[in-house]
């Protein structure tokens, strides 16, 4: 199970990618940086495989917090703790369906590989290379999608539209809600955030 949590994870080294000689890629990474996701995406930690397995085995949501037991010690992770650890924004849109439609329309145009107007649910191969990369970063490290990464979901396209358009999103709440789904029984949400969870556990268990 632990290996499945980390197989598809993407880590972004912003200092390196912002030095690329490709204006389109640099613009995409600068927009991603301004979204406030950079500390979450570039963080690093030793992966404690046994602790990860134990964390998910015992985890549940209680009173809005994620609680678990690891190495016999209780662990409680609140939205504020989660967002504060990775310096995630706690202001802005909490529902991606509120992204302004003019910005979604613009993203449907500029993200297209062949200048055709894209649907907000499309195939990755229909997108330009920089948006394919952005889709992969979000799919693997933020939304945490299992299986094939060929399909671009409507929700992920809205998030890409927000990032491209510079719309402020409450990433702290958005990602914490995804995290809560990971530990909710019968949820279809894939499990991930392995590096981030290890950082939280390291801080909680010292």
C-alpha atoms as a PDB file:
ATOM      1  CA  UNK A   1       0.000   0.000   0.000  1.00  0.00           C
ATOM      2  CA  UNK A   2       2.750   2.477   0.902  1.00  0.00           C
ATOM      3  CA  UNK A   3       4.392   2.140  -2.511  1.00  0.00           C
ATOM      4  CA  UNK A   4       1.051   2.838  -4.200  1.00  0.00           C
ATOM      5  CA  UNK A   5       0.848   6.111  -2.256  1.00  0.00           C
ATOM      6  CA  UNK A   6       4.090   7.430  -3.706  1.00  0.00           C
ATOM      7  CA  UNK A   7       4.358   5.851  -7.177  1.00  0.00           C
ATOM      8  CA  UNK A   8       2.669   8.701  -9.027  1.00  0.00           C
ATOM      9  CA  UNK A   9       3.595  11.637  -6.814  1.00  0.00           C
ATOM     10  CA  UNK A  10       5.177  14.634  -8.533  1.00  0.00           C
ATOM     11  CA  UNK A  11       7.495  17.004  -6.729  1.00  0.00           C
ATOM     12  CA  UNK A  12       8.020  20.457  -8.256  1.00  0.00           C
ATOM     13  CA  UNK A  13      11.340  22.236  -7.760  1.00  0.00           C
ATOM     14  CA  UNK A  14      10.326  25.801  -8.570  1.00  0.00           C
ATOM     15  CA  UNK A  15      13.854  27.232  -8.462  1.00  0.00           C
ATOM     16  CA  UNK A  16      14.817  24.850 -11.255  1.00  0.00           C
ATOM     17  CA  UNK A  17      11.725  25.026 -13.460  1.00  0.00           C
ATOM     18  CA  UNK A  18      11.610  28.825 -13.379  1.00  0.00           C
ATOM     19  CA  UNK A  19      15.017  28.754 -15.038  1.00  0.00           C
ATOM     20  CA  UNK A  20      13.710  26.930 -18.121  1.00  0.00           C
ATOM     21  CA  UNK A  21      14.185  28.560 -21.496  1.00  0.00           C
ATOM     22  CA  UNK A  22      10.530  28.210 -22.475  1.00  0.00           C
ATOM     23  CA  UNK A  23       8.259  31.210 -21.970  1.00  0.00           C
ATOM     24  CA  UNK A  24       5.053  29.171 -21.932  1.00  0.00           C
ATOM     25  CA  UNK A  25       6.318  26.740 -19.306  1.00  0.00           C
ATOM     26  CA  UNK A  26       7.725  29.552 -17.173  1.00  0.00           C
ATOM     27  CA  UNK A  27       4.379  31.393 -17.326  1.00  0.00           C
ATOM     28  CA  UNK A  28       2.565  28.225 -16.239  1.00  0.00           C
ATOM     29  CA  UNK A  29       4.894  27.612 -13.295  1.00  0.00           C
ATOM     30  CA  UNK A  30       4.713  31.281 -12.270  1.00  0.00           C
ATOM     31  CA  UNK A  31       0.900  31.020 -12.218  1.00  0.00           C
ATOM     32  CA  UNK A  32       1.192  27.853 -10.143  1.00  0.00           C
ATOM     33  CA  UNK A  33       3.547  29.662  -7.780  1.00  0.00           C
ATOM     34  CA  UNK A  34       1.077  32.543  -7.378  1.00  0.00           C
ATOM     35  CA  UNK A  35      -1.728  30.084  -6.600  1.00  0.00           C
ATOM     36  CA  UNK A  36      -0.073  29.368  -3.239  1.00  0.00           C
ATOM     37  CA  UNK A  37       0.475  25.667  -3.938  1.00  0.00           C
ATOM     38  CA  UNK A  38       4.251  25.912  -4.133  1.00  0.00           C
ATOM     39  CA  UNK A  39       5.092  24.940  -0.524  1.00  0.00           C
ATOM     40  CA  UNK A  40       2.752  21.964  -0.796  1.00  0.00           C
ATOM     41  CA  UNK A  41       4.200  20.804  -4.124  1.00  0.00           C
ATOM     42  CA  UNK A  42       7.884  21.287  -3.402  1.00  0.00           C
ATOM     43  CA  UNK A  43       8.053  19.940   0.164  1.00  0.00           C
ATOM     44  CA  UNK A  44      10.240  16.917   0.830  1.00  0.00           C
ATOM     45  CA  UNK A  45      10.554  14.369   3.596  1.00  0.00           C
ATOM     46  CA  UNK A  46      11.737  10.881   4.350  1.00  0.00           C
ATOM     47  CA  UNK A  47       8.881   8.488   3.582  1.00  0.00           C
ATOM     48  CA  UNK A  48       7.878   6.511   6.662  1.00  0.00           C
ATOM     49  CA  UNK A  49       6.118   3.619   4.943  1.00  0.00           C
ATOM     50  CA  UNK A  50       4.987   1.730   8.031  1.00  0.00           C
ATOM     51  CA  UNK A  51       3.686   4.925   9.644  1.00  0.00           C
ATOM     52  CA  UNK A  52       1.752   5.815   6.477  1.00  0.00           C
ATOM     53  CA  UNK A  53       0.059   2.431   6.388  1.00  0.00           C
ATOM     54  CA  UNK A  54      -0.814   2.657  10.092  1.00  0.00           C
ATOM     55  CA  UNK A  55      -2.049   6.234   9.686  1.00  0.00           C
ATOM     56  CA  UNK A  56      -4.519   5.334   6.947  1.00  0.00           C
ATOM     57  CA  UNK A  57      -5.573   2.102   8.649  1.00  0.00           C
ATOM     58  CA  UNK A  58      -6.616   3.986  11.802  1.00  0.00           C
ATOM     59  CA  UNK A  59      -7.693   7.305  10.271  1.00  0.00           C
ATOM     60  CA  UNK A  60     -11.165   8.818  10.350  1.00  0.00           C
ATOM     61  CA  UNK A  61     -12.833  12.225  10.331  1.00  0.00           C
ATOM     62  CA  UNK A  62     -14.120  13.467  13.683  1.00  0.00           C
ATOM     63  CA  UNK A  63     -15.455  16.963  14.353  1.00  0.00           C
ATOM     64  CA  UNK A  64     -13.948  18.221  11.118  1.00  0.00           C
ATOM     65  CA  UNK A  65     -10.464  16.931  11.974  1.00  0.00           C
ATOM     66  CA  UNK A  66      -8.557  13.934  10.644  1.00  0.00           C
ATOM     67  CA  UNK A  67      -7.646  11.723  13.578  1.00  0.00           C
ATOM     68  CA  UNK A  68      -5.570   8.569  13.739  1.00  0.00           C
ATOM     69  CA  UNK A  69      -3.198   6.583  15.910  1.00  0.00           C
ATOM     70  CA  UNK A  70       0.403   5.970  14.883  1.00  0.00           C
ATOM     71  CA  UNK A  71       2.949   4.122  17.020  1.00  0.00           C
ATOM     72  CA  UNK A  72       0.415   4.169  19.846  1.00  0.00           C
ATOM     73  CA  UNK A  73       0.207   7.970  19.798  1.00  0.00           C
ATOM     74  CA  UNK A  74      -2.926   9.923  18.857  1.00  0.00           C
ATOM     75  CA  UNK A  75      -2.681  12.226  15.840  1.00  0.00           C
ATOM     76  CA  UNK A  76      -5.157  15.014  15.066  1.00  0.00           C
ATOM     77  CA  UNK A  77      -4.879  17.174  11.943  1.00  0.00           C
ATOM     78  CA  UNK A  78      -7.115  20.222  11.596  1.00  0.00           C
ATOM     79  CA  UNK A  79      -7.648  22.325   8.496  1.00  0.00           C
ATOM     80  CA  UNK A  80      -5.681  25.189  10.072  1.00  0.00           C
ATOM     81  CA  UNK A  81      -2.753  22.910  10.946  1.00  0.00           C
ATOM     82  CA  UNK A  82      -2.752  21.357   7.478  1.00  0.00           C
ATOM     83  CA  UNK A  83      -2.931  24.697   5.669  1.00  0.00           C
ATOM     84  CA  UNK A  84      -0.442  26.371   8.007  1.00  0.00           C
ATOM     85  CA  UNK A  85       2.154  23.627   7.635  1.00  0.00           C
ATOM     86  CA  UNK A  86       2.262  24.103   3.856  1.00  0.00           C
ATOM     87  CA  UNK A  87       1.417  27.830   3.810  1.00  0.00           C
ATOM     88  CA  UNK A  88      -1.736  27.221   1.780  1.00  0.00           C
ATOM     89  CA  UNK A  89      -4.099  30.157   1.182  1.00  0.00           C
ATOM     90  CA  UNK A  90      -7.189  30.183   3.399  1.00  0.00           C
ATOM     91  CA  UNK A  91      -8.989  32.906   1.467  1.00  0.00           C
ATOM     92  CA  UNK A  92     -10.636  32.818  -1.931  1.00  0.00           C
ATOM     93  CA  UNK A  93     -13.059  30.536  -3.730  1.00  0.00           C
ATOM     94  CA  UNK A  94     -14.162  27.419  -1.892  1.00  0.00           C
ATOM     95  CA  UNK A  95     -16.146  26.096  -4.863  1.00  0.00           C
ATOM     96  CA  UNK A  96     -14.356  25.798  -8.201  1.00  0.00           C
ATOM     97  CA  UNK A  97     -17.691  26.110 -10.000  1.00  0.00           C
ATOM     98  CA  UNK A  98     -17.525  29.795  -9.047  1.00  0.00           C
ATOM     99  CA  UNK A  99     -14.514  30.406 -11.320  1.00  0.00           C
ATOM    100  CA  UNK A 100     -15.659  33.232 -13.671  1.00  0.00           C
ATOM    101  CA  UNK A 101     -16.970  31.826 -16.935  1.00  0.00           C
ATOM    102  CA  UNK A 102     -14.948  34.257 -19.048  1.00  0.00           C
ATOM    103  CA  UNK A 103     -11.758  32.821 -17.548  1.00  0.00           C
ATOM    104  CA  UNK A 104     -12.967  29.266 -18.148  1.00  0.00           C
ATOM    105  CA  UNK A 105     -13.707  30.194 -21.767  1.00  0.00           C
ATOM    106  CA  UNK A 106     -10.245  31.719 -22.127  1.00  0.00           C
ATOM    107  CA  UNK A 107      -8.653  28.572 -20.691  1.00  0.00           C
ATOM    108  CA  UNK A 108     -10.647  26.411 -23.119  1.00  0.00           C
ATOM    109  CA  UNK A 109      -9.017  28.371 -25.934  1.00  0.00           C
ATOM    110  CA  UNK A 110      -5.424  28.859 -24.743  1.00  0.00           C
ATOM    111  CA  UNK A 111      -5.033  25.287 -23.460  1.00  0.00           C
ATOM    112  CA  UNK A 112      -5.924  23.759 -26.821  1.00  0.00           C
ATOM    113  CA  UNK A 113      -3.220  21.939 -28.765  1.00  0.00           C
ATOM    114  CA  UNK A 114      -4.707  22.742 -32.187  1.00  0.00           C
ATOM    115  CA  UNK A 115      -6.578  26.025 -31.474  1.00  0.00           C
ATOM    116  CA  UNK A 116      -9.953  24.291 -31.283  1.00  0.00           C
ATOM    117  CA  UNK A 117     -12.183  25.275 -28.386  1.00  0.00           C
ATOM    118  CA  UNK A 118     -11.879  22.531 -25.791  1.00  0.00           C
ATOM    119  CA  UNK A 119     -14.584  21.080 -23.639  1.00  0.00           C
ATOM    120  CA  UNK A 120     -14.017  21.377 -19.890  1.00  0.00           C
ATOM    121  CA  UNK A 121     -13.949  17.573 -19.862  1.00  0.00           C
ATOM    122  CA  UNK A 122     -11.456  16.482 -22.477  1.00  0.00           C
ATOM    123  CA  UNK A 123      -8.519  14.244 -23.285  1.00  0.00           C
ATOM    124  CA  UNK A 124      -5.052  15.314 -22.181  1.00  0.00           C
ATOM    125  CA  UNK A 125      -3.706  14.858 -25.714  1.00  0.00           C
ATOM    126  CA  UNK A 126      -6.028  17.661 -26.880  1.00  0.00           C
ATOM    127  CA  UNK A 127      -4.179  20.156 -24.678  1.00  0.00           C
ATOM    128  CA  UNK A 128      -0.973  22.100 -25.250  1.00  0.00           C
ATOM    129  CA  UNK A 129       2.130  20.654 -23.597  1.00  0.00           C
ATOM    130  CA  UNK A 130       2.261  23.145 -20.717  1.00  0.00           C
ATOM    131  CA  UNK A 131      -1.362  22.401 -19.809  1.00  0.00           C
ATOM    132  CA  UNK A 132      -0.714  18.655 -20.065  1.00  0.00           C
ATOM    133  CA  UNK A 133       2.050  19.098 -17.513  1.00  0.00           C
ATOM    134  CA  UNK A 134      -0.177  21.242 -15.278  1.00  0.00           C
ATOM    135  CA  UNK A 135      -2.890  18.585 -15.521  1.00  0.00           C
ATOM    136  CA  UNK A 136      -0.426  15.864 -14.466  1.00  0.00           C
ATOM    137  CA  UNK A 137       0.819  17.897 -11.503  1.00  0.00           C
ATOM    138  CA  UNK A 138      -2.731  18.481 -10.267  1.00  0.00           C
ATOM    139  CA  UNK A 139      -3.924  14.943 -11.018  1.00  0.00           C
ATOM    140  CA  UNK A 140      -1.052  13.249  -9.226  1.00  0.00           C
ATOM    141  CA  UNK A 141      -0.179  15.617  -6.391  1.00  0.00           C
ATOM    142  CA  UNK A 142      -3.321  17.669  -5.655  1.00  0.00           C
ATOM    143  CA  UNK A 143      -6.504  15.890  -6.775  1.00  0.00           C
ATOM    144  CA  UNK A 144      -4.736  12.505  -6.446  1.00  0.00           C
ATOM    145  CA  UNK A 145      -6.307  10.489  -9.224  1.00  0.00           C
ATOM    146  CA  UNK A 146      -5.760   6.749  -9.494  1.00  0.00           C
ATOM    147  CA  UNK A 147      -5.232   4.914 -12.765  1.00  0.00           C
ATOM    148  CA  UNK A 148      -5.012   6.517 -16.206  1.00  0.00           C
ATOM    149  CA  UNK A 149      -4.203  10.217 -16.472  1.00  0.00           C
ATOM    150  CA  UNK A 150      -5.480  10.598 -20.047  1.00  0.00           C
ATOM    151  CA  UNK A 151      -8.850  12.089 -19.112  1.00  0.00           C
ATOM    152  CA  UNK A 152      -9.094  15.677 -17.836  1.00  0.00           C
ATOM    153  CA  UNK A 153     -12.012  16.014 -15.443  1.00  0.00           C
ATOM    154  CA  UNK A 154     -14.312  19.029 -15.364  1.00  0.00           C
ATOM    155  CA  UNK A 155     -13.260  19.904 -11.811  1.00  0.00           C
ATOM    156  CA  UNK A 156      -9.559  19.737 -12.676  1.00  0.00           C
ATOM    157  CA  UNK A 157     -10.103  21.909 -15.740  1.00  0.00           C
ATOM    158  CA  UNK A 158     -11.804  24.488 -13.516  1.00  0.00           C
ATOM    159  CA  UNK A 159      -8.799  24.434 -11.207  1.00  0.00           C
ATOM    160  CA  UNK A 160      -6.456  24.910 -14.151  1.00  0.00           C
ATOM    161  CA  UNK A 161      -8.655  27.798 -15.319  1.00  0.00           C
ATOM    162  CA  UNK A 162      -8.393  29.398 -11.870  1.00  0.00           C
ATOM    163  CA  UNK A 163      -4.604  29.011 -11.799  1.00  0.00           C
ATOM    164  CA  UNK A 164      -4.180  30.315 -15.342  1.00  0.00           C
ATOM    165  CA  UNK A 165      -6.554  33.223 -14.680  1.00  0.00           C
ATOM    166  CA  UNK A 166      -4.979  34.190 -11.358  1.00  0.00           C
ATOM    167  CA  UNK A 167      -8.164  33.531  -9.368  1.00  0.00           C
ATOM    168  CA  UNK A 168      -7.581  33.236  -5.630  1.00  0.00           C
ATOM    169  CA  UNK A 169      -8.690  29.838  -4.355  1.00  0.00           C
ATOM    170  CA  UNK A 170      -8.923  28.685  -0.749  1.00  0.00           C
ATOM    171  CA  UNK A 171      -6.398  25.907  -1.374  1.00  0.00           C
ATOM    172  CA  UNK A 172      -6.220  25.079   2.322  1.00  0.00           C
ATOM    173  CA  UNK A 173      -9.876  24.060   2.429  1.00  0.00           C
ATOM    174  CA  UNK A 174      -9.885  22.508  -1.036  1.00  0.00           C
ATOM    175  CA  UNK A 175      -6.928  20.215  -0.356  1.00  0.00           C
ATOM    176  CA  UNK A 176      -8.007  19.434   3.195  1.00  0.00           C
ATOM    177  CA  UNK A 177     -11.401  18.290   1.882  1.00  0.00           C
ATOM    178  CA  UNK A 178      -9.581  15.982  -0.543  1.00  0.00           C
ATOM    179  CA  UNK A 179      -7.504  14.725   2.386  1.00  0.00           C
ATOM    180  CA  UNK A 180     -10.668  14.028   4.391  1.00  0.00           C
ATOM    181  CA  UNK A 181     -12.095  12.059   1.470  1.00  0.00           C
ATOM    182  CA  UNK A 182      -8.943   9.914   1.484  1.00  0.00           C
ATOM    183  CA  UNK A 183      -9.735   8.638   4.975  1.00  0.00           C
ATOM    184  CA  UNK A 184     -13.508   8.384   4.513  1.00  0.00           C
ATOM    185  CA  UNK A 185     -14.761   4.781   4.099  1.00  0.00           C
ATOM    186  CA  UNK A 186     -16.213   3.949   0.666  1.00  0.00           C
ATOM    187  CA  UNK A 187     -14.949   7.211  -0.819  1.00  0.00           C
ATOM    188  CA  UNK A 188     -13.776   6.992  -4.432  1.00  0.00           C
ATOM    189  CA  UNK A 189     -10.923   9.370  -3.635  1.00  0.00           C
ATOM    190  CA  UNK A 190      -7.512   7.759  -4.143  1.00  0.00           C
ATOM    191  CA  UNK A 191      -5.007   8.003  -1.305  1.00  0.00           C
ATOM    192  CA  UNK A 192      -1.974  10.204  -1.628  1.00  0.00           C
ATOM    193  CA  UNK A 193      -0.172  13.174   0.014  1.00  0.00           C
ATOM    194  CA  UNK A 194       2.461  10.718   1.245  1.00  0.00           C
ATOM    195  CA  UNK A 195       5.240  13.285   1.662  1.00  0.00           C
ATOM    196  CA  UNK A 196       2.939  15.833   3.259  1.00  0.00           C
ATOM    197  CA  UNK A 197       1.487  13.283   5.683  1.00  0.00           C
ATOM    198  CA  UNK A 198       4.987  12.205   6.706  1.00  0.00           C
ATOM    199  CA  UNK A 199       5.841  15.824   7.506  1.00  0.00           C
ATOM    200  CA  UNK A 200       2.673  16.151   9.585  1.00  0.00           C
ATOM    201  CA  UNK A 201       3.383  12.871  11.393  1.00  0.00           C
ATOM    202  CA  UNK A 202       6.982  13.846  12.079  1.00  0.00           C
ATOM    203  CA  UNK A 203       5.774  17.074  13.671  1.00  0.00           C
ATOM    204  CA  UNK A 204       3.044  15.303  15.647  1.00  0.00           C
ATOM    205  CA  UNK A 205       5.142  12.437  16.961  1.00  0.00           C
ATOM    206  CA  UNK A 206       8.242  14.321  18.170  1.00  0.00           C
END
